[in-house]
N, C-alpha and C. Protein backbone atom coordinates (compact mmCIF):
# COMPACT_ATOMS: atom_id res chain seq x y z
N MET A 1 18.94 49.19 4.75
CA MET A 1 17.92 48.22 5.13
C MET A 1 17.48 48.69 6.61
N GLY A 2 16.26 48.47 6.86
CA GLY A 2 15.69 48.72 8.16
C GLY A 2 15.92 47.58 9.13
N ARG A 3 15.59 47.75 10.34
CA ARG A 3 15.87 46.76 11.39
C ARG A 3 15.09 45.52 11.26
N ARG A 4 13.91 45.62 10.64
CA ARG A 4 13.11 44.39 10.47
C ARG A 4 13.50 43.50 9.34
N SER A 5 14.48 43.99 8.45
CA SER A 5 14.75 43.12 7.30
C SER A 5 15.61 42.04 7.62
N ARG A 6 16.34 42.02 8.76
CA ARG A 6 17.16 40.98 9.17
C ARG A 6 16.43 39.91 9.97
N LYS A 7 16.56 38.69 9.59
CA LYS A 7 15.86 37.71 10.33
C LYS A 7 16.57 37.32 11.72
N ARG A 8 15.89 37.18 12.64
CA ARG A 8 16.47 36.91 13.96
C ARG A 8 16.58 35.50 14.25
N SER A 9 17.68 35.04 14.77
CA SER A 9 17.66 33.66 15.16
C SER A 9 16.77 33.31 16.42
N ILE A 10 16.63 32.08 16.71
CA ILE A 10 15.74 31.72 17.86
C ILE A 10 16.49 32.12 19.16
N SER A 11 17.83 31.93 19.19
CA SER A 11 18.49 32.28 20.43
C SER A 11 18.46 33.73 20.69
N GLU A 12 18.64 34.62 19.62
CA GLU A 12 18.49 36.03 19.81
C GLU A 12 17.14 36.52 20.38
N SER A 13 16.07 35.93 19.74
CA SER A 13 14.77 36.39 20.12
C SER A 13 14.47 35.84 21.54
N LEU A 14 14.92 34.66 21.94
CA LEU A 14 14.68 34.12 23.41
C LEU A 14 15.52 34.96 24.20
N SER A 15 16.78 35.39 23.94
CA SER A 15 17.56 36.16 24.84
C SER A 15 16.98 37.55 25.16
N GLU A 16 16.37 38.15 24.13
CA GLU A 16 15.80 39.46 24.24
C GLU A 16 14.55 39.29 25.10
N ARG A 17 13.75 38.27 25.03
CA ARG A 17 12.43 38.20 25.77
C ARG A 17 12.79 37.68 27.18
N GLU A 18 13.35 36.63 27.31
CA GLU A 18 13.43 35.98 28.64
C GLU A 18 14.92 35.49 28.71
N PRO A 19 15.75 36.19 29.47
CA PRO A 19 17.20 35.72 29.45
C PRO A 19 17.39 34.32 30.21
N SER A 20 16.41 33.94 31.06
CA SER A 20 16.59 32.56 31.83
C SER A 20 15.89 31.57 31.21
N ALA A 21 15.19 31.76 30.04
CA ALA A 21 14.38 30.60 29.40
C ALA A 21 15.33 29.66 28.68
N ALA A 22 15.13 28.36 28.83
CA ALA A 22 15.91 27.34 28.17
C ALA A 22 15.43 27.18 26.74
N PRO A 23 16.30 26.76 25.77
CA PRO A 23 15.74 26.54 24.47
C PRO A 23 14.69 25.31 24.45
N PRO A 24 13.80 25.39 23.51
CA PRO A 24 12.78 24.30 23.47
C PRO A 24 13.38 22.98 23.24
N ALA A 25 12.91 21.96 23.94
CA ALA A 25 13.38 20.62 23.67
C ALA A 25 13.02 20.12 22.31
N PRO A 26 13.89 19.36 21.63
CA PRO A 26 13.64 18.94 20.42
C PRO A 26 12.53 17.89 20.34
N ALA A 27 11.66 17.92 19.32
CA ALA A 27 10.50 17.13 19.29
C ALA A 27 10.98 15.65 19.02
N ARG A 28 10.49 14.68 19.80
CA ARG A 28 10.73 13.28 19.66
C ARG A 28 9.84 12.62 18.64
N PRO A 29 10.37 11.75 17.88
CA PRO A 29 9.44 11.19 16.91
C PRO A 29 8.54 10.13 17.68
N ALA A 30 7.36 9.95 17.09
CA ALA A 30 6.39 8.91 17.72
C ALA A 30 7.03 7.60 17.68
N PRO A 31 6.54 6.61 18.54
CA PRO A 31 7.00 5.31 18.61
C PRO A 31 6.74 4.63 17.23
N ALA A 32 7.42 3.61 16.94
CA ALA A 32 7.46 2.95 15.65
C ALA A 32 6.00 2.36 15.41
N THR A 33 5.39 1.98 16.48
CA THR A 33 4.06 1.28 16.16
C THR A 33 2.94 2.29 15.84
N LEU A 34 3.19 3.65 16.03
CA LEU A 34 2.17 4.54 15.87
C LEU A 34 2.50 5.54 14.74
N ARG A 35 3.53 5.25 13.99
CA ARG A 35 3.88 6.12 12.87
C ARG A 35 2.96 5.94 11.67
N ARG A 36 2.49 7.01 11.08
CA ARG A 36 1.70 6.94 9.92
C ARG A 36 2.52 6.73 8.62
N ARG A 37 3.76 7.00 8.64
CA ARG A 37 4.67 6.89 7.48
C ARG A 37 5.56 5.60 7.85
N ALA A 38 5.55 4.65 7.05
CA ALA A 38 6.43 3.39 7.21
C ALA A 38 7.73 3.57 6.51
N PRO A 39 8.83 3.58 7.31
CA PRO A 39 10.24 3.60 6.59
C PRO A 39 10.46 2.46 5.82
N SER A 40 11.15 2.57 4.75
CA SER A 40 11.45 1.48 3.80
C SER A 40 12.38 0.36 4.47
N SER A 41 12.94 0.70 5.59
CA SER A 41 13.71 -0.24 6.36
C SER A 41 12.88 -1.41 6.96
N GLU A 42 11.59 -1.09 7.14
CA GLU A 42 10.60 -2.10 7.71
C GLU A 42 9.97 -2.81 6.69
N ARG A 43 10.33 -2.72 5.41
CA ARG A 43 9.70 -3.49 4.35
C ARG A 43 9.96 -4.88 4.60
N PRO A 44 8.79 -5.69 4.41
CA PRO A 44 9.00 -7.22 4.71
C PRO A 44 9.73 -7.85 3.65
N PRO A 45 10.63 -8.71 4.03
CA PRO A 45 11.46 -9.52 3.10
C PRO A 45 10.57 -10.50 2.25
N ALA A 46 10.99 -10.82 1.01
CA ALA A 46 10.26 -11.84 0.36
C ALA A 46 10.63 -13.26 0.77
N PRO A 47 9.63 -14.09 0.74
CA PRO A 47 9.92 -15.57 1.21
C PRO A 47 11.17 -16.21 0.49
N TRP A 48 11.35 -15.87 -0.76
CA TRP A 48 12.26 -16.53 -1.48
C TRP A 48 13.71 -15.71 -1.46
N GLY A 49 13.84 -14.85 -0.60
CA GLY A 49 15.15 -14.13 -0.24
C GLY A 49 15.38 -13.02 -1.28
N SER A 50 16.59 -12.82 -1.61
CA SER A 50 16.92 -11.70 -2.50
C SER A 50 16.72 -11.89 -3.91
N PHE A 51 16.25 -13.10 -4.47
CA PHE A 51 15.98 -13.28 -5.79
C PHE A 51 14.86 -12.39 -6.24
N PRO A 52 14.97 -11.63 -7.39
CA PRO A 52 13.92 -10.71 -7.73
C PRO A 52 12.75 -11.32 -8.51
N LEU A 53 12.13 -12.22 -7.88
CA LEU A 53 10.97 -12.94 -8.61
C LEU A 53 9.86 -11.98 -8.88
N GLY A 54 9.40 -11.13 -8.06
CA GLY A 54 8.26 -10.32 -8.37
C GLY A 54 8.69 -9.27 -9.52
N GLU A 55 9.85 -8.74 -9.60
CA GLU A 55 10.29 -7.92 -10.65
C GLU A 55 10.25 -8.71 -12.03
N LEU A 56 10.88 -9.92 -11.96
CA LEU A 56 10.91 -10.67 -13.21
C LEU A 56 9.54 -11.11 -13.57
N THR A 57 8.64 -11.33 -12.71
CA THR A 57 7.29 -11.63 -13.09
C THR A 57 6.61 -10.48 -13.78
N THR A 58 6.80 -9.34 -13.21
CA THR A 58 6.28 -8.02 -13.76
C THR A 58 6.77 -7.78 -15.19
N LEU A 59 8.12 -7.99 -15.22
CA LEU A 59 8.87 -7.80 -16.60
C LEU A 59 8.24 -8.72 -17.61
N ALA A 60 8.11 -9.97 -17.24
CA ALA A 60 7.56 -11.00 -18.21
C ALA A 60 6.07 -10.60 -18.68
N GLY A 61 5.37 -10.10 -17.65
CA GLY A 61 4.02 -9.71 -18.00
C GLY A 61 3.99 -8.48 -18.98
N ILE A 62 4.89 -7.55 -18.77
CA ILE A 62 4.98 -6.34 -19.50
C ILE A 62 5.39 -6.83 -20.94
N VAL A 63 6.26 -7.70 -21.09
CA VAL A 63 6.73 -8.16 -22.37
C VAL A 63 5.59 -8.81 -23.12
N LEU A 64 4.88 -9.78 -22.42
CA LEU A 64 3.69 -10.42 -23.00
C LEU A 64 2.62 -9.40 -23.51
N ILE A 65 2.44 -8.39 -22.69
CA ILE A 65 1.41 -7.30 -22.98
C ILE A 65 1.85 -6.73 -24.35
N VAL A 66 3.02 -6.30 -24.38
CA VAL A 66 3.54 -5.73 -25.58
C VAL A 66 3.46 -6.47 -26.89
N VAL A 67 3.90 -7.76 -26.70
CA VAL A 67 3.98 -8.83 -27.84
C VAL A 67 2.42 -8.95 -28.27
N GLY A 68 1.56 -9.16 -27.14
CA GLY A 68 0.14 -9.41 -27.48
C GLY A 68 -0.56 -8.26 -28.18
N PHE A 69 -0.20 -7.08 -27.76
CA PHE A 69 -0.76 -5.91 -28.42
C PHE A 69 -0.27 -5.72 -29.82
N ALA A 70 1.11 -6.00 -30.02
CA ALA A 70 1.64 -5.89 -31.40
C ALA A 70 1.08 -6.91 -32.33
N SER A 71 0.89 -8.08 -31.80
CA SER A 71 0.44 -9.17 -32.65
C SER A 71 -1.13 -9.43 -32.61
N GLN A 72 -1.82 -8.61 -31.86
CA GLN A 72 -3.25 -8.68 -31.69
C GLN A 72 -3.64 -10.00 -31.20
N ALA A 73 -2.86 -10.60 -30.26
CA ALA A 73 -3.18 -11.86 -29.64
C ALA A 73 -3.83 -11.76 -28.27
N PHE A 74 -5.12 -11.97 -28.13
CA PHE A 74 -5.94 -11.65 -26.92
C PHE A 74 -5.25 -12.51 -25.74
N ARG A 75 -4.93 -13.75 -26.11
CA ARG A 75 -4.38 -14.65 -24.98
C ARG A 75 -3.04 -14.07 -24.40
N LEU A 76 -2.28 -13.71 -25.31
CA LEU A 76 -1.03 -13.16 -24.71
C LEU A 76 -1.15 -11.91 -23.84
N LEU A 77 -2.17 -11.02 -24.21
CA LEU A 77 -2.47 -9.92 -23.48
C LEU A 77 -3.18 -10.30 -22.14
N ALA A 78 -3.96 -11.31 -22.06
CA ALA A 78 -4.57 -11.80 -20.93
C ALA A 78 -3.47 -12.32 -19.95
N VAL A 79 -2.68 -13.23 -20.46
CA VAL A 79 -1.59 -13.71 -19.66
C VAL A 79 -0.60 -12.66 -19.05
N GLY A 80 -0.33 -11.75 -19.95
CA GLY A 80 0.56 -10.56 -19.53
C GLY A 80 -0.05 -9.86 -18.34
N PHE A 81 -1.39 -9.61 -18.43
CA PHE A 81 -2.06 -8.78 -17.39
C PHE A 81 -2.20 -9.57 -16.21
N ALA A 82 -2.42 -10.89 -16.32
CA ALA A 82 -2.55 -11.83 -15.17
C ALA A 82 -1.24 -11.80 -14.39
N LEU A 83 -0.05 -11.92 -15.18
CA LEU A 83 1.25 -11.93 -14.47
C LEU A 83 1.59 -10.74 -13.72
N VAL A 84 1.26 -9.50 -14.37
CA VAL A 84 1.43 -8.31 -13.60
C VAL A 84 0.54 -8.21 -12.44
N ALA A 85 -0.70 -8.48 -12.51
CA ALA A 85 -1.68 -8.46 -11.43
C ALA A 85 -1.24 -9.46 -10.29
N LEU A 86 -0.68 -10.64 -10.63
CA LEU A 86 -0.22 -11.61 -9.68
C LEU A 86 0.97 -11.08 -8.82
N SER A 87 1.82 -10.44 -9.53
CA SER A 87 2.98 -9.83 -8.87
C SER A 87 2.55 -8.71 -8.03
N ALA A 88 1.71 -7.87 -8.49
CA ALA A 88 1.25 -6.63 -7.60
C ALA A 88 0.42 -7.22 -6.35
N CYS A 89 -0.39 -8.23 -6.62
CA CYS A 89 -1.20 -8.75 -5.47
C CYS A 89 -0.39 -9.40 -4.47
N GLU A 90 0.71 -10.18 -4.93
CA GLU A 90 1.55 -10.74 -3.91
C GLU A 90 2.34 -9.83 -3.10
N LEU A 91 2.80 -8.72 -3.65
CA LEU A 91 3.60 -7.64 -2.92
C LEU A 91 2.53 -6.97 -1.93
N ALA A 92 1.35 -6.75 -2.38
CA ALA A 92 0.36 -6.06 -1.60
C ALA A 92 0.01 -6.90 -0.37
N LEU A 93 -0.30 -8.17 -0.59
CA LEU A 93 -0.50 -9.09 0.53
C LEU A 93 0.53 -9.19 1.49
N ARG A 94 1.82 -9.31 0.98
CA ARG A 94 3.00 -9.33 1.99
C ARG A 94 3.14 -8.13 2.70
N GLU A 95 2.99 -6.89 2.06
CA GLU A 95 3.23 -5.74 2.83
C GLU A 95 2.02 -5.49 3.80
N HIS A 96 0.78 -5.94 3.50
CA HIS A 96 -0.38 -5.78 4.37
C HIS A 96 -0.17 -6.63 5.59
N LEU A 97 0.13 -7.87 5.34
CA LEU A 97 0.11 -8.85 6.47
C LEU A 97 1.30 -8.59 7.33
N ALA A 98 2.26 -7.83 6.93
CA ALA A 98 3.55 -7.49 7.82
C ALA A 98 3.34 -6.18 8.42
N GLY A 99 2.25 -5.50 8.15
CA GLY A 99 1.90 -4.21 8.77
C GLY A 99 2.72 -3.05 8.23
N PHE A 100 3.26 -3.24 7.06
CA PHE A 100 4.15 -2.20 6.35
C PHE A 100 3.30 -1.10 5.75
N ARG A 101 2.34 -1.48 4.90
CA ARG A 101 1.32 -0.57 4.31
C ARG A 101 0.03 -1.18 4.22
N SER A 102 -1.02 -0.45 4.31
CA SER A 102 -2.42 -0.95 4.23
C SER A 102 -2.86 -0.99 2.75
N HIS A 103 -3.27 -2.32 2.39
CA HIS A 103 -3.80 -2.50 1.05
C HIS A 103 -5.24 -3.16 1.23
N SER A 104 -5.92 -2.69 2.18
CA SER A 104 -7.27 -3.30 2.31
C SER A 104 -8.19 -3.22 1.11
N SER A 105 -8.23 -2.05 0.52
CA SER A 105 -9.13 -1.93 -0.64
C SER A 105 -8.69 -2.82 -1.75
N LEU A 106 -7.45 -2.80 -2.08
CA LEU A 106 -6.92 -3.72 -3.22
C LEU A 106 -7.32 -5.25 -2.89
N LEU A 107 -6.95 -5.52 -1.69
CA LEU A 107 -7.22 -7.00 -1.40
C LEU A 107 -8.73 -7.36 -1.30
N GLY A 108 -9.59 -6.32 -0.85
CA GLY A 108 -11.02 -6.56 -1.01
C GLY A 108 -11.45 -6.67 -2.50
N LEU A 109 -10.95 -5.73 -3.34
CA LEU A 109 -11.39 -5.87 -4.66
C LEU A 109 -10.90 -7.26 -5.26
N LEU A 110 -9.74 -7.75 -4.89
CA LEU A 110 -9.28 -9.08 -5.32
C LEU A 110 -10.29 -10.10 -4.93
N GLY A 111 -10.70 -10.14 -3.76
CA GLY A 111 -11.59 -11.09 -3.31
C GLY A 111 -12.97 -11.03 -4.03
N GLY A 112 -13.41 -9.68 -4.13
CA GLY A 112 -14.66 -9.60 -4.90
C GLY A 112 -14.53 -10.11 -6.44
N PHE A 113 -13.41 -9.74 -7.01
CA PHE A 113 -13.14 -10.17 -8.47
C PHE A 113 -13.11 -11.82 -8.61
N ILE A 114 -12.43 -12.34 -7.64
CA ILE A 114 -12.47 -13.81 -7.59
C ILE A 114 -13.84 -14.51 -7.47
N ALA A 115 -14.58 -13.96 -6.52
CA ALA A 115 -15.81 -14.38 -6.33
C ALA A 115 -16.83 -14.26 -7.55
N GLY A 116 -16.73 -12.99 -8.14
CA GLY A 116 -17.37 -12.75 -9.36
C GLY A 116 -17.05 -13.58 -10.47
N ALA A 117 -15.70 -13.75 -10.79
CA ALA A 117 -15.21 -14.59 -11.74
C ALA A 117 -15.73 -16.06 -11.59
N ALA A 118 -15.68 -16.49 -10.33
CA ALA A 118 -16.20 -17.91 -10.12
C ALA A 118 -17.70 -18.10 -10.40
N LEU A 119 -18.45 -17.04 -10.01
CA LEU A 119 -19.86 -17.13 -10.37
C LEU A 119 -20.23 -16.97 -11.83
N VAL A 120 -19.39 -16.12 -12.59
CA VAL A 120 -19.68 -16.00 -14.02
C VAL A 120 -19.36 -17.34 -14.65
N THR A 121 -18.31 -17.98 -14.23
CA THR A 121 -17.91 -19.19 -14.81
C THR A 121 -18.96 -20.23 -14.57
N GLY A 122 -19.57 -20.15 -13.38
CA GLY A 122 -20.64 -21.18 -13.08
C GLY A 122 -22.02 -20.90 -13.74
N GLY A 123 -22.09 -19.77 -14.33
CA GLY A 123 -23.27 -19.37 -15.12
C GLY A 123 -24.46 -18.75 -14.21
N ALA A 124 -23.97 -18.00 -13.13
CA ALA A 124 -24.94 -17.39 -12.31
C ALA A 124 -25.45 -16.21 -12.93
N PRO A 125 -26.74 -15.70 -12.58
CA PRO A 125 -27.24 -14.47 -13.12
C PRO A 125 -26.43 -13.23 -12.75
N ARG A 126 -26.58 -12.33 -13.73
CA ARG A 126 -25.68 -11.05 -13.55
C ARG A 126 -25.89 -10.37 -12.20
N ILE A 127 -27.11 -10.30 -11.75
CA ILE A 127 -27.33 -9.61 -10.45
C ILE A 127 -26.84 -10.35 -9.25
N ALA A 128 -26.92 -11.60 -9.32
CA ALA A 128 -26.28 -12.42 -8.20
C ALA A 128 -24.83 -12.19 -8.32
N VAL A 129 -24.15 -12.17 -9.48
CA VAL A 129 -22.68 -12.01 -9.50
C VAL A 129 -22.31 -10.72 -8.90
N ILE A 130 -23.01 -9.57 -9.17
CA ILE A 130 -22.78 -8.26 -8.69
C ILE A 130 -22.93 -8.20 -7.21
N VAL A 131 -24.06 -8.74 -6.69
CA VAL A 131 -24.33 -8.78 -5.20
C VAL A 131 -23.27 -9.49 -4.50
N ALA A 132 -23.00 -10.70 -4.87
CA ALA A 132 -21.92 -11.59 -4.36
C ALA A 132 -20.56 -10.89 -4.31
N ALA A 133 -20.18 -10.35 -5.35
CA ALA A 133 -18.88 -9.65 -5.48
C ALA A 133 -18.86 -8.37 -4.52
N LEU A 134 -19.88 -7.67 -4.43
CA LEU A 134 -19.89 -6.59 -3.52
C LEU A 134 -19.89 -7.11 -1.98
N VAL A 135 -20.55 -8.13 -1.68
CA VAL A 135 -20.53 -8.70 -0.34
C VAL A 135 -19.14 -9.25 0.07
N VAL A 136 -18.59 -9.97 -0.83
CA VAL A 136 -17.28 -10.51 -0.64
C VAL A 136 -16.25 -9.39 -0.48
N PHE A 137 -16.40 -8.31 -1.34
CA PHE A 137 -15.52 -7.18 -1.22
C PHE A 137 -15.66 -6.56 0.18
N ALA A 138 -16.87 -6.31 0.66
CA ALA A 138 -17.16 -5.65 1.95
C ALA A 138 -16.49 -6.49 3.15
N ILE A 139 -16.80 -7.79 3.07
CA ILE A 139 -16.25 -8.61 4.07
C ILE A 139 -14.76 -8.74 4.12
N THR A 140 -14.20 -8.87 2.98
CA THR A 140 -12.76 -8.89 2.82
C THR A 140 -12.06 -7.63 3.33
N PHE A 141 -12.63 -6.44 2.93
CA PHE A 141 -12.15 -5.15 3.25
C PHE A 141 -12.12 -5.05 4.77
N VAL A 142 -13.22 -5.33 5.38
CA VAL A 142 -13.35 -5.16 6.82
C VAL A 142 -12.24 -6.17 7.61
N ALA A 143 -12.22 -7.44 7.11
CA ALA A 143 -11.32 -8.35 7.73
C ALA A 143 -9.88 -7.86 7.52
N MET A 144 -9.51 -7.39 6.34
CA MET A 144 -8.12 -6.97 6.15
C MET A 144 -7.76 -5.79 6.86
N ARG A 145 -8.86 -4.86 7.11
CA ARG A 145 -8.45 -3.69 7.91
C ARG A 145 -8.27 -4.06 9.41
N ARG A 146 -9.04 -5.12 9.88
CA ARG A 146 -8.83 -5.43 11.26
C ARG A 146 -7.43 -6.11 11.30
N VAL A 147 -7.04 -6.89 10.38
CA VAL A 147 -5.70 -7.62 10.47
C VAL A 147 -4.62 -6.52 10.50
N PHE A 148 -4.63 -5.48 9.63
CA PHE A 148 -3.73 -4.53 9.59
C PHE A 148 -3.68 -3.69 10.91
N SER A 149 -4.88 -3.35 11.43
CA SER A 149 -4.90 -2.68 12.68
C SER A 149 -4.21 -3.43 13.79
N ARG A 150 -4.42 -4.76 13.90
CA ARG A 150 -3.80 -5.55 14.93
C ARG A 150 -2.30 -5.53 14.73
N LYS A 151 -1.84 -5.59 13.45
CA LYS A 151 -0.40 -5.69 13.16
C LYS A 151 0.37 -4.35 13.60
N THR A 152 -0.36 -3.20 13.41
CA THR A 152 0.30 -1.90 13.69
C THR A 152 -0.01 -1.36 14.95
N GLY A 153 -0.73 -2.05 15.94
CA GLY A 153 -0.98 -1.53 17.14
C GLY A 153 -2.12 -0.45 17.17
N GLY A 154 -3.01 -0.49 16.25
CA GLY A 154 -4.30 0.25 16.20
C GLY A 154 -4.35 1.21 15.01
N LEU A 155 -3.39 1.28 14.18
CA LEU A 155 -3.46 2.23 13.04
C LEU A 155 -4.45 1.58 11.97
N GLY A 156 -5.30 2.40 11.34
CA GLY A 156 -6.20 1.98 10.33
C GLY A 156 -5.52 1.79 9.05
N PHE A 157 -4.51 2.75 8.72
CA PHE A 157 -3.83 2.78 7.57
C PHE A 157 -2.51 3.28 7.70
N ARG A 158 -1.57 3.11 6.81
CA ARG A 158 -0.15 3.64 6.78
C ARG A 158 0.16 4.04 5.45
N ALA A 159 0.75 5.32 5.27
CA ALA A 159 1.05 5.70 3.95
C ALA A 159 2.48 5.20 3.57
């Protein structure tokens, strides 16, 4: 093997170049308020403690979806999807308001959906429903983005 086939360590290469150079200082992590990645230790606790209410709600929704699909019962399917959506939206809202992860888009869509559903129930014209849902989505998205930015010290999103 030639001389170049062996990888040199950092200390060997530094000692050959500059014998008095100190090794580079280890990189320090950014402060907790400016990290783009949220560690799971910062996950916000549920208001009901360690009881797995969200997981049980999701499980019940999945069971109702399967039973509704098997028996072709539309109401069971609808209730199952509503339970799964309720569980997901609760978790998204809790994580968003605690500054753990940004869910601005999902919460904006939820606001737009609720506004649209209310207008459809009231018998509004289709164009009014679409425009109102888009406006509510945009307002909710911007508001949730600002709330998250305040909670995290200026970050617009967090993965």
